[in-house]
N, C-alpha and C. Protein backbone atom coordinates (compact mmCIF):
# COMPACT_ATOMS: atom_id res chain seq x y z
N PHE A 1 0.77 -1.62 -0.42
CA PHE A 1 -0.02 0.20 0.00
C PHE A 1 1.01 1.11 -0.02
N ALA A 2 0.35 2.14 -0.58
CA ALA A 2 1.08 3.68 -0.57
C ALA A 2 0.35 4.66 0.16
N MET A 3 1.50 4.97 1.47
CA MET A 3 0.47 6.07 2.48
C MET A 3 -0.07 7.06 1.81
N GLY A 4 0.38 7.86 0.43
CA GLY A 4 0.33 8.61 0.33
C GLY A 4 -0.87 8.64 -0.43
N ASP A 5 -0.97 7.79 -1.32
CA ASP A 5 -2.54 7.41 -1.72
C ASP A 5 -3.11 7.37 -0.87
N THR A 6 -3.32 6.63 0.39
CA THR A 6 -4.59 6.58 1.44
C THR A 6 -4.61 7.99 1.89
N TYR A 7 -3.53 9.00 2.09
CA TYR A 7 -4.16 10.50 2.24
C TYR A 7 -4.91 10.98 1.32
N CYS A 8 -4.53 10.80 0.47
CA CYS A 8 -4.70 11.50 -0.36
C CYS A 8 -6.57 10.95 -0.94
N GLU A 9 -6.59 9.78 -0.80
CA GLU A 9 -8.45 8.82 -0.66
C GLU A 9 -8.80 9.32 0.34
N ALA A 10 -8.17 9.74 1.77
CA ALA A 10 -8.94 9.93 2.77
C ALA A 10 -9.44 11.56 2.42
N LEU A 11 -8.82 12.94 2.08
CA LEU A 11 -9.28 13.93 1.71
C LEU A 11 -10.23 13.76 0.65
N LYS A 12 -10.00 13.38 -0.24
CA LYS A 12 -11.23 12.94 -1.21
C LYS A 12 -12.79 12.37 -0.58
N TRP A 13 -12.30 11.80 0.46
CA TRP A 13 -13.65 11.13 0.88
C TRP A 13 -14.32 12.14 2.02
N ILE A 14 -13.18 13.28 3.06
CA ILE A 14 -14.05 14.49 3.49
C ILE A 14 -14.66 15.28 3.24
N THR A 15 -14.01 15.71 1.50
CA THR A 15 -14.60 16.97 0.51
C THR A 15 -15.71 15.86 0.56
N LYS A 16 -16.11 14.61 0.41
CA LYS A 16 -17.76 14.42 -0.10
C LYS A 16 -18.60 14.54 0.58
N GLU A 17 -17.76 14.17 1.71
CA GLU A 17 -18.90 13.84 2.83
C GLU A 17 -19.05 15.01 3.95
N ARG A 18 -18.09 16.26 3.93
CA ARG A 18 -18.34 17.55 4.26
C ARG A 18 -19.67 18.29 2.84
N LEU A 19 -19.26 18.15 1.71
CA LEU A 19 -20.56 18.71 0.91
C LEU A 19 -22.11 17.88 1.14
N ARG A 20 -21.75 16.58 1.68
CA ARG A 20 -23.08 15.51 1.37
C ARG A 20 -23.93 16.71 2.86
N GLN A 21 -23.04 16.74 3.75
CA GLN A 21 -23.07 17.30 5.02
C GLN A 21 -23.48 18.46 5.29
N GLN A 22 -23.02 19.06 3.84
CA GLN A 22 -23.13 20.43 3.95
C GLN A 22 -22.72 21.57 4.54
N LEU A 23 -21.17 20.77 5.01
CA LEU A 23 -20.49 21.83 6.27
C LEU A 23 -19.60 22.75 5.33
N SER A 24 -19.19 23.77 6.13
CA SER A 24 -18.45 24.49 5.73
C SER A 24 -16.96 24.94 6.19
N TRP A 25 -15.77 24.60 5.38
CA TRP A 25 -14.65 24.73 5.79
C TRP A 25 -14.61 25.68 6.64
N ILE A 26 -15.01 26.91 6.78
CA ILE A 26 -14.93 27.89 7.91
C ILE A 26 -15.74 27.56 9.05
N ARG A 27 -16.66 27.03 8.83
CA ARG A 27 -17.07 26.67 9.96
C ARG A 27 -16.87 25.28 10.95
N LEU A 28 -15.60 24.55 10.25
CA LEU A 28 -15.65 23.35 10.70
C LEU A 28 -15.47 23.13 11.83
N THR A 29 -15.15 22.93 13.44
CA THR A 29 -14.69 23.04 14.58
C THR A 29 -13.90 21.62 14.90
N THR A 30 -13.08 21.70 15.73
CA THR A 30 -12.04 21.09 16.21
C THR A 30 -12.36 19.37 16.11
N HIS A 31 -13.99 19.11 16.95
CA HIS A 31 -14.64 17.98 17.33
C HIS A 31 -14.82 17.49 15.75
N GLN A 32 -15.24 18.59 14.84
CA GLN A 32 -15.49 17.91 13.42
C GLN A 32 -14.35 17.63 12.79
N ILE A 33 -13.97 18.40 12.31
CA ILE A 33 -12.65 17.71 12.35
C ILE A 33 -11.85 16.45 12.62
N LYS A 34 -11.45 16.59 13.66
CA LYS A 34 -11.35 14.68 14.28
C LYS A 34 -12.23 13.93 13.57
N GLN A 35 -13.46 14.05 13.91
CA GLN A 35 -14.75 13.00 13.83
C GLN A 35 -14.05 12.72 12.00
N LEU A 36 -14.03 13.80 11.36
CA LEU A 36 -14.34 13.59 9.79
C LEU A 36 -12.82 12.84 9.34
N ALA A 37 -11.34 13.52 10.67
CA ALA A 37 -10.28 12.59 9.79
C ALA A 37 -10.83 11.26 10.26
N ARG A 38 -11.06 10.61 11.35
CA ARG A 38 -10.90 9.38 12.02
C ARG A 38 -12.00 8.63 10.90
N LEU A 39 -13.37 9.33 10.95
CA LEU A 39 -14.19 8.91 9.64
C LEU A 39 -13.36 8.32 8.43
N ALA A 40 -12.97 9.51 8.02
CA ALA A 40 -12.25 9.00 6.19
C ALA A 40 -11.07 7.98 6.44
N VAL A 41 -10.34 7.24 7.43
CA VAL A 41 -9.54 7.01 7.76
C VAL A 41 -9.98 5.47 7.97
N GLU A 42 -10.77 5.43 8.81
CA GLU A 42 -11.35 4.12 8.93
C GLU A 42 -12.21 3.23 7.92
N GLN A 43 -12.57 4.61 7.25
CA GLN A 43 -13.49 3.84 5.50
C GLN A 43 -12.42 3.68 4.87
N ILE A 44 -11.73 4.34 4.92
CA ILE A 44 -10.78 4.29 3.29
C ILE A 44 -9.67 3.09 3.69
N VAL A 45 -8.89 3.02 4.88
CA VAL A 45 -8.13 1.83 5.39
C VAL A 45 -7.98 0.56 4.72
N PRO A 46 -9.92 -0.18 5.13
CA PRO A 46 -10.18 -1.27 4.92
C PRO A 46 -10.01 -1.66 3.88
N VAL A 47 -10.24 -0.87 3.31
CA VAL A 47 -10.53 -0.59 1.87
C VAL A 47 -8.97 -0.73 0.50
N PHE A 48 -8.25 0.35 0.70
CA PHE A 48 -7.99 1.15 0.17
C PHE A 48 -6.28 0.01 0.57
N SER A 49 -6.35 -0.16 1.44
CA SER A 49 -4.57 -0.89 2.05
C SER A 49 -4.67 -2.02 2.51
N HIS A 50 -5.95 -3.28 1.47
CA HIS A 50 -6.09 -4.31 2.02
C HIS A 50 -6.09 -5.15 3.14
N GLN A 51 -6.24 -3.86 4.24
CA GLN A 51 -6.26 -4.31 5.33
C GLN A 51 -5.00 -3.98 6.09
N ILE A 52 -3.98 -3.97 5.69
CA ILE A 52 -2.60 -4.43 6.04
C ILE A 52 -2.49 -3.02 7.40
N LEU A 53 -2.82 -2.11 7.27
CA LEU A 53 -3.06 -1.15 8.65
C LEU A 53 -3.37 -1.86 9.87
N LEU A 54 -4.67 -2.75 9.82
CA LEU A 54 -5.39 -3.61 10.21
C LEU A 54 -4.54 -4.94 11.24
N SER A 55 -3.11 -5.01 10.39
CA SER A 55 -2.47 -6.51 10.86
C SER A 55 -1.75 -6.30 12.16
N SER A 56 -1.17 -5.16 12.28
CA SER A 56 0.05 -5.35 13.38
C SER A 56 -0.54 -4.27 14.01
N ALA A 57 0.61 -4.27 15.62
CA ALA A 57 0.17 -3.21 16.23
C ALA A 57 1.02 -1.94 15.77
N ARG A 58 2.16 -2.51 14.91
CA ARG A 58 2.82 -1.24 14.42
C ARG A 58 2.32 -0.38 12.96
N TYR A 59 1.42 -1.33 12.31
CA TYR A 59 0.27 -1.08 11.50
C TYR A 59 -0.75 0.19 12.07
N ARG A 60 -1.34 -0.11 13.36
CA ARG A 60 -2.49 0.25 13.44
C ARG A 60 -1.90 2.11 14.33
N TYR A 61 -0.19 1.66 14.56
CA TYR A 61 0.10 2.68 14.59
C TYR A 61 0.24 3.76 13.97
N ILE A 62 0.32 3.05 12.79
CA ILE A 62 0.85 4.17 11.29
C ILE A 62 -0.35 4.84 10.96
N GLN A 63 -1.82 3.96 11.34
CA GLN A 63 -3.11 4.36 10.92
C GLN A 63 -3.62 5.91 11.71
N ARG A 64 -3.03 5.42 13.08
CA ARG A 64 -2.96 6.39 14.19
C ARG A 64 -2.20 7.57 13.90
N LYS A 65 -1.42 7.62 13.15
CA LYS A 65 -0.32 9.07 12.82
C LYS A 65 -1.29 9.53 11.65
N LEU A 66 -1.91 8.94 10.70
CA LEU A 66 -1.94 9.49 9.14
C LEU A 66 -3.29 9.92 9.98
N ILE A 67 -4.25 9.68 10.84
CA ILE A 67 -4.96 10.34 11.21
C ILE A 67 -4.78 11.85 11.91
N ARG A 68 -3.53 11.59 12.42
CA ARG A 68 -3.19 13.17 13.15
C ARG A 68 -3.11 13.47 11.62
N ILE A 69 -1.93 13.37 10.62
CA ILE A 69 -2.20 14.75 9.37
C ILE A 69 -3.37 14.62 8.56
N VAL A 70 -3.74 13.50 8.61
CA VAL A 70 -5.39 14.27 8.13
C VAL A 70 -5.94 15.19 9.02
N GLU A 71 -6.05 15.21 10.21
CA GLU A 71 -6.86 16.39 11.05
C GLU A 71 -5.62 17.70 11.11
N ARG A 72 -4.39 17.49 10.43
CA ARG A 72 -3.23 18.84 10.80
C ARG A 72 -3.59 19.51 9.49
N THR A 73 -3.89 18.89 8.50
CA THR A 73 -4.17 18.85 7.15
C THR A 73 -5.44 19.96 6.86
N MET A 74 -6.53 19.12 7.67
CA MET A 74 -7.97 19.69 7.12
C MET A 74 -8.01 21.35 8.40
N THR A 75 -6.99 20.99 9.77
CA THR A 75 -6.82 22.26 10.69
C THR A 75 -6.68 23.63 9.51
N ALA A 76 -5.62 23.25 8.78
CA ALA A 76 -5.00 24.49 8.24
C ALA A 76 -5.69 24.81 6.94
N LEU A 77 -6.44 23.67 6.15
CA LEU A 77 -7.51 24.37 5.34
C LEU A 77 -8.91 25.09 5.67
N THR A 78 -9.04 24.85 7.27
CA THR A 78 -9.72 25.29 7.92
C THR A 78 -9.65 27.10 8.36
N GLN A 79 -8.26 26.87 8.75
CA GLN A 79 -7.29 28.25 9.08
C GLN A 79 -7.34 29.64 7.44
N HIS A 80 -7.08 28.17 6.59
CA HIS A 80 -6.84 29.28 5.65
C HIS A 80 -8.02 30.09 4.99
N ALA A 81 -9.18 29.24 5.59
CA ALA A 81 -10.73 29.55 4.50
C ALA A 81 -11.23 30.34 5.13
N ASN A 82 -10.85 30.08 6.88
CA ASN A 82 -11.32 31.67 7.77
C ASN A 82 -10.63 32.71 7.03
N VAL A 83 -9.03 33.10 6.58
CA VAL A 83 -8.52 34.25 6.32
C VAL A 83 -8.84 34.45 5.32
N SER A 84 -8.72 33.73 4.31
CA SER A 84 -9.16 33.92 2.97
C SER A 84 -9.90 33.72 1.92
N HIS A 85 -11.01 33.06 2.96
CA HIS A 85 -12.35 32.67 1.90
C HIS A 85 -11.78 31.23 0.65
N PHE A 86 -10.73 31.12 1.31
CA PHE A 86 -10.62 29.59 0.30
C PHE A 86 -11.19 28.57 0.30
N LYS A 87 -11.55 28.29 -0.79
CA LYS A 87 -13.04 27.15 -0.94
C LYS A 87 -12.01 26.43 -2.20
N PRO A 88 -11.26 25.16 -1.78
CA PRO A 88 -11.34 23.58 -2.46
C PRO A 88 -12.54 23.52 -3.28
N ILE A 89 -12.39 23.38 -4.55
CA ILE A 89 -13.04 23.21 -5.20
C ILE A 89 -12.74 21.54 -6.24
N ALA A 90 -11.67 20.88 -5.85
CA ALA A 90 -10.90 19.99 -6.31
C ALA A 90 -9.92 19.09 -5.46
N PHE A 91 -9.85 17.93 -5.66
CA PHE A 91 -8.49 17.58 -4.92
C PHE A 91 -8.10 16.72 -6.35
N GLU A 92 -6.96 16.94 -6.72
CA GLU A 92 -6.08 15.90 -7.77
C GLU A 92 -6.88 16.21 -9.19
N ALA A 93 -7.20 17.69 -9.32
CA ALA A 93 -7.87 18.09 -10.73
C ALA A 93 -6.67 17.52 -11.67
N SER A 94 -7.33 17.11 -12.65
CA SER A 94 -6.32 16.67 -14.21
C SER A 94 -5.88 18.43 -14.94
N PHE A 95 -5.18 18.41 -15.50
CA PHE A 95 -4.91 19.75 -15.71
C PHE A 95 -4.86 19.36 -17.57
N GLY A 96 -5.13 20.50 -18.10
CA GLY A 96 -4.73 20.22 -19.91
C GLY A 96 -5.67 19.25 -20.59
């Protein structure tokens, strides 16, 4: 499995879920950020990593680290949105 791919899939899942719940980047609370990050990784890991991250204590530790990385990314996006009214419209958009 590739950690970067899992990270990107988690962010895509969060974007879709945020839109489904009609949540604004500007209004996301710390609790919502933590909840979305955890749910995203829990949804993505079994499918995307072929359950490797569930196979040992070391991999579960990596999964927890991934959740924290996603939380920090979402916190940064929320802070940017508050200052600049930034609204991501796509992740991994194709060019050309």
